């Protein structure tokens, strides 16, 4: 988890983990997977949040870039995330950050009805090899400027 801290208070967070590339939200029930079959695992960003007073000032973008930097350092060439399908402003934010929607991974309506969960859309951003150094630098810069990793 990366945290942005201002005046001793956490003002933004983002989590990065390694998850199966199956389009499911982490924590969802997954079908059994045969242990002998390879399962692709990918860098997954979640819980990106910025206090409302600081939204629209670039902090979310910096947190996202720092998370991508960690993924690059871990050797991943892509980053995945979910975003609420009912929040156009959020979807626009991720599109502006070069995340492509993957609607083929949308949960069927019956799953949403049974789970009571809102529709989310899986997204992916390939990490350009030219970006890897700058993304890693973003993660380092966040630590040096009082924004820290928890």
C-alpha atoms as a PDB file:
ATOM      1  CA  UNK A   1       0.000   0.000   0.000  1.00  0.00           C
ATOM      2  CA  UNK A   2       1.185   3.486  -0.837  1.00  0.00           C
ATOM      3  CA  UNK A   3      -0.012   6.381   1.294  1.00  0.00           C
ATOM      4  CA  UNK A   4       0.154  10.104   0.611  1.00  0.00           C
ATOM      5  CA  UNK A   5       0.597  12.055   3.837  1.00  0.00           C
ATOM      6  CA  UNK A   6       0.086  15.779   4.310  1.00  0.00           C
ATOM      7  CA  UNK A   7       0.434  17.540   7.645  1.00  0.00           C
ATOM      8  CA  UNK A   8       0.592  14.217   9.471  1.00  0.00           C
ATOM      9  CA  UNK A   9      -2.690  12.959   7.952  1.00  0.00           C
ATOM     10  CA  UNK A  10      -3.194  10.332   5.270  1.00  0.00           C
ATOM     11  CA  UNK A  11      -4.764  12.106   2.287  1.00  0.00           C
ATOM     12  CA  UNK A  12      -4.550   9.366  -0.333  1.00  0.00           C
ATOM     13  CA  UNK A  13      -3.941   5.638  -0.667  1.00  0.00           C
ATOM     14  CA  UNK A  14      -3.553   2.963  -3.318  1.00  0.00           C
ATOM     15  CA  UNK A  15      -2.952  -0.776  -3.040  1.00  0.00           C
ATOM     16  CA  UNK A  16      -0.991  -2.995  -5.403  1.00  0.00           C
ATOM     17  CA  UNK A  17      -1.193  -6.778  -5.290  1.00  0.00           C
ATOM     18  CA  UNK A  18      -0.620  -9.785  -7.511  1.00  0.00           C
ATOM     19  CA  UNK A  19      -3.879 -11.454  -8.552  1.00  0.00           C
ATOM     20  CA  UNK A  20      -5.065 -14.023 -11.108  1.00  0.00           C
ATOM     21  CA  UNK A  21      -5.858 -12.512 -14.518  1.00  0.00           C
ATOM     22  CA  UNK A  22      -9.440 -13.720 -14.528  1.00  0.00           C
ATOM     23  CA  UNK A  23     -11.395 -10.470 -14.336  1.00  0.00           C
ATOM     24  CA  UNK A  24     -12.844 -11.229 -10.919  1.00  0.00           C
ATOM     25  CA  UNK A  25     -12.691  -8.759  -8.066  1.00  0.00           C
ATOM     26  CA  UNK A  26     -10.201 -10.031  -5.456  1.00  0.00           C
ATOM     27  CA  UNK A  27     -12.058 -11.856  -2.719  1.00  0.00           C
ATOM     28  CA  UNK A  28     -14.775 -13.130  -5.070  1.00  0.00           C
ATOM     29  CA  UNK A  29     -15.413 -16.857  -5.151  1.00  0.00           C
ATOM     30  CA  UNK A  30     -13.377 -18.384  -7.937  1.00  0.00           C
ATOM     31  CA  UNK A  31     -13.974 -21.757  -9.551  1.00  0.00           C
ATOM     32  CA  UNK A  32     -11.526 -24.463  -8.602  1.00  0.00           C
ATOM     33  CA  UNK A  33      -8.384 -24.305 -10.657  1.00  0.00           C
ATOM     34  CA  UNK A  34      -6.375 -27.457 -11.328  1.00  0.00           C
ATOM     35  CA  UNK A  35      -3.025 -27.108  -9.553  1.00  0.00           C
ATOM     36  CA  UNK A  36      -1.144 -28.488 -12.574  1.00  0.00           C
ATOM     37  CA  UNK A  37      -2.514 -25.853 -14.971  1.00  0.00           C
ATOM     38  CA  UNK A  38      -0.585 -22.581 -15.075  1.00  0.00           C
ATOM     39  CA  UNK A  39      -2.494 -19.535 -13.868  1.00  0.00           C
ATOM     40  CA  UNK A  40      -1.417 -16.150 -15.136  1.00  0.00           C
ATOM     41  CA  UNK A  41      -0.951 -13.637 -12.329  1.00  0.00           C
ATOM     42  CA  UNK A  42      -0.873  -9.899 -12.893  1.00  0.00           C
ATOM     43  CA  UNK A  43      -0.250  -6.636 -11.058  1.00  0.00           C
ATOM     44  CA  UNK A  44      -3.589  -5.372  -9.743  1.00  0.00           C
ATOM     45  CA  UNK A  45      -4.325  -1.866  -8.422  1.00  0.00           C
ATOM     46  CA  UNK A  46      -7.180  -1.352  -5.974  1.00  0.00           C
ATOM     47  CA  UNK A  47      -8.583   1.055  -3.444  1.00  0.00           C
ATOM     48  CA  UNK A  48      -7.217   4.233  -5.017  1.00  0.00           C
ATOM     49  CA  UNK A  49      -8.685   6.991  -2.863  1.00  0.00           C
ATOM     50  CA  UNK A  50      -7.976  10.679  -2.296  1.00  0.00           C
ATOM     51  CA  UNK A  51      -9.676  12.897   0.300  1.00  0.00           C
ATOM     52  CA  UNK A  52     -12.373  14.958  -1.395  1.00  0.00           C
ATOM     53  CA  UNK A  53     -10.679  18.315  -0.670  1.00  0.00           C
ATOM     54  CA  UNK A  54      -7.661  17.266  -2.775  1.00  0.00           C
ATOM     55  CA  UNK A  55      -9.436  15.609  -5.713  1.00  0.00           C
ATOM     56  CA  UNK A  56      -8.711  17.049  -9.125  1.00  0.00           C
ATOM     57  CA  UNK A  57      -5.219  18.232  -8.124  1.00  0.00           C
ATOM     58  CA  UNK A  58      -3.187  15.342  -9.512  1.00  0.00           C
ATOM     59  CA  UNK A  59      -2.662  13.322  -6.337  1.00  0.00           C
ATOM     60  CA  UNK A  60      -4.684  10.340  -7.612  1.00  0.00           C
ATOM     61  CA  UNK A  61      -2.666  10.332 -10.826  1.00  0.00           C
ATOM     62  CA  UNK A  62       0.613  10.440  -8.866  1.00  0.00           C
ATOM     63  CA  UNK A  63      -0.523   7.588  -6.610  1.00  0.00           C
ATOM     64  CA  UNK A  64      -1.541   5.545  -9.653  1.00  0.00           C
ATOM     65  CA  UNK A  65       1.820   6.171 -11.357  1.00  0.00           C
ATOM     66  CA  UNK A  66       3.663   5.170  -8.182  1.00  0.00           C
ATOM     67  CA  UNK A  67       1.603   1.938  -8.017  1.00  0.00           C
ATOM     68  CA  UNK A  68       2.479   1.256 -11.647  1.00  0.00           C
ATOM     69  CA  UNK A  69       6.125   1.844 -10.721  1.00  0.00           C
ATOM     70  CA  UNK A  70       5.935  -0.880  -8.088  1.00  0.00           C
ATOM     71  CA  UNK A  71       4.349  -3.239 -10.628  1.00  0.00           C
ATOM     72  CA  UNK A  72       7.154  -2.468 -13.090  1.00  0.00           C
ATOM     73  CA  UNK A  73       9.779  -3.125 -10.411  1.00  0.00           C
ATOM     74  CA  UNK A  74       8.097  -6.460  -9.701  1.00  0.00           C
ATOM     75  CA  UNK A  75       8.626  -7.352 -13.366  1.00  0.00           C
ATOM     76  CA  UNK A  76       5.077  -6.874 -14.666  1.00  0.00           C
ATOM     77  CA  UNK A  77       4.446  -5.386 -18.098  1.00  0.00           C
ATOM     78  CA  UNK A  78       0.773  -4.589 -17.486  1.00  0.00           C
ATOM     79  CA  UNK A  79      -1.388  -3.297 -14.668  1.00  0.00           C
ATOM     80  CA  UNK A  80      -5.042  -4.260 -14.128  1.00  0.00           C
ATOM     81  CA  UNK A  81      -7.805  -2.693 -12.056  1.00  0.00           C
ATOM     82  CA  UNK A  82     -11.578  -2.553 -11.642  1.00  0.00           C
ATOM     83  CA  UNK A  83     -13.683   0.597 -11.786  1.00  0.00           C
ATOM     84  CA  UNK A  84     -17.386   1.127 -11.172  1.00  0.00           C
ATOM     85  CA  UNK A  85     -19.218   0.948 -14.499  1.00  0.00           C
ATOM     86  CA  UNK A  86     -21.736   3.524 -13.213  1.00  0.00           C
ATOM     87  CA  UNK A  87     -19.256   6.362 -12.591  1.00  0.00           C
ATOM     88  CA  UNK A  88     -18.473   8.144 -15.868  1.00  0.00           C
ATOM     89  CA  UNK A  89     -16.027  10.573 -14.227  1.00  0.00           C
ATOM     90  CA  UNK A  90     -14.017   7.674 -12.783  1.00  0.00           C
ATOM     91  CA  UNK A  91     -14.056   5.798 -16.102  1.00  0.00           C
ATOM     92  CA  UNK A  92     -12.866   8.973 -17.860  1.00  0.00           C
ATOM     93  CA  UNK A  93     -10.034   9.339 -15.312  1.00  0.00           C
ATOM     94  CA  UNK A  94      -8.771   5.821 -16.073  1.00  0.00           C
ATOM     95  CA  UNK A  95      -9.191   6.321 -19.839  1.00  0.00           C
ATOM     96  CA  UNK A  96      -7.093   9.492 -19.533  1.00  0.00           C
ATOM     97  CA  UNK A  97      -4.422   7.376 -17.817  1.00  0.00           C
ATOM     98  CA  UNK A  98      -4.399   4.969 -20.815  1.00  0.00           C
ATOM     99  CA  UNK A  99      -6.361   2.160 -19.162  1.00  0.00           C
ATOM    100  CA  UNK A 100      -8.363   0.184 -21.713  1.00  0.00           C
ATOM    101  CA  UNK A 101     -11.705  -1.316 -20.630  1.00  0.00           C
ATOM    102  CA  UNK A 102     -12.098  -5.079 -20.939  1.00  0.00           C
ATOM    103  CA  UNK A 103     -15.898  -5.598 -21.136  1.00  0.00           C
ATOM    104  CA  UNK A 104     -15.461  -9.286 -21.950  1.00  0.00           C
ATOM    105  CA  UNK A 105     -14.707  -9.758 -18.233  1.00  0.00           C
ATOM    106  CA  UNK A 106     -17.938  -8.070 -16.989  1.00  0.00           C
ATOM    107  CA  UNK A 107     -19.824 -10.192 -14.471  1.00  0.00           C
ATOM    108  CA  UNK A 108     -23.127 -11.596 -15.775  1.00  0.00           C
ATOM    109  CA  UNK A 109     -26.281  -9.931 -14.428  1.00  0.00           C
ATOM    110  CA  UNK A 110     -27.275 -13.045 -12.465  1.00  0.00           C
ATOM    111  CA  UNK A 111     -23.985 -12.895 -10.535  1.00  0.00           C
ATOM    112  CA  UNK A 112     -24.595  -9.235  -9.702  1.00  0.00           C
ATOM    113  CA  UNK A 113     -28.175 -10.002  -8.619  1.00  0.00           C
ATOM    114  CA  UNK A 114     -27.051 -12.820  -6.317  1.00  0.00           C
ATOM    115  CA  UNK A 115     -24.110 -10.927  -4.850  1.00  0.00           C
ATOM    116  CA  UNK A 116     -25.775  -7.518  -4.540  1.00  0.00           C
ATOM    117  CA  UNK A 117     -22.637  -6.009  -6.032  1.00  0.00           C
ATOM    118  CA  UNK A 118     -22.506  -3.140  -8.532  1.00  0.00           C
ATOM    119  CA  UNK A 119     -21.182  -3.731 -12.035  1.00  0.00           C
ATOM    120  CA  UNK A 120     -17.464  -3.090 -12.291  1.00  0.00           C
ATOM    121  CA  UNK A 121     -15.330  -3.063 -15.379  1.00  0.00           C
ATOM    122  CA  UNK A 122     -11.885  -4.644 -15.604  1.00  0.00           C
ATOM    123  CA  UNK A 123      -9.230  -2.387 -17.191  1.00  0.00           C
ATOM    124  CA  UNK A 124      -5.647  -2.888 -18.325  1.00  0.00           C
ATOM    125  CA  UNK A 125      -2.733  -0.575 -19.036  1.00  0.00           C
ATOM    126  CA  UNK A 126       0.378  -1.963 -20.716  1.00  0.00           C
ATOM    127  CA  UNK A 127       3.528  -0.507 -19.213  1.00  0.00           C
ATOM    128  CA  UNK A 128       5.696   0.815 -22.010  1.00  0.00           C
ATOM    129  CA  UNK A 129       9.291  -0.259 -21.433  1.00  0.00           C
ATOM    130  CA  UNK A 130      10.300   3.405 -21.876  1.00  0.00           C
ATOM    131  CA  UNK A 131       8.029   4.291 -18.947  1.00  0.00           C
ATOM    132  CA  UNK A 132       9.405   1.757 -16.489  1.00  0.00           C
ATOM    133  CA  UNK A 133      12.195   3.990 -15.184  1.00  0.00           C
ATOM    134  CA  UNK A 134       9.940   7.031 -14.805  1.00  0.00           C
ATOM    135  CA  UNK A 135       7.267   4.944 -13.061  1.00  0.00           C
ATOM    136  CA  UNK A 136       9.828   3.518 -10.647  1.00  0.00           C
ATOM    137  CA  UNK A 137      11.058   7.070 -10.046  1.00  0.00           C
ATOM    138  CA  UNK A 138       7.467   8.096  -9.234  1.00  0.00           C
ATOM    139  CA  UNK A 139       7.335   5.442  -6.507  1.00  0.00           C
ATOM    140  CA  UNK A 140      10.670   6.682  -5.125  1.00  0.00           C
ATOM    141  CA  UNK A 141       9.615  10.337  -5.311  1.00  0.00           C
ATOM    142  CA  UNK A 142       6.451   9.617  -3.357  1.00  0.00           C
ATOM    143  CA  UNK A 143       8.574   8.285  -0.506  1.00  0.00           C
ATOM    144  CA  UNK A 144      10.974  11.236  -0.568  1.00  0.00           C
ATOM    145  CA  UNK A 145       8.299  13.954  -0.491  1.00  0.00           C
ATOM    146  CA  UNK A 146       6.557  12.912   2.698  1.00  0.00           C
ATOM    147  CA  UNK A 147       4.192  10.656   0.820  1.00  0.00           C
ATOM    148  CA  UNK A 148       5.068   7.225   1.971  1.00  0.00           C
ATOM    149  CA  UNK A 149       4.524   3.576   1.443  1.00  0.00           C
ATOM    150  CA  UNK A 150       2.826   1.723   4.274  1.00  0.00           C
END
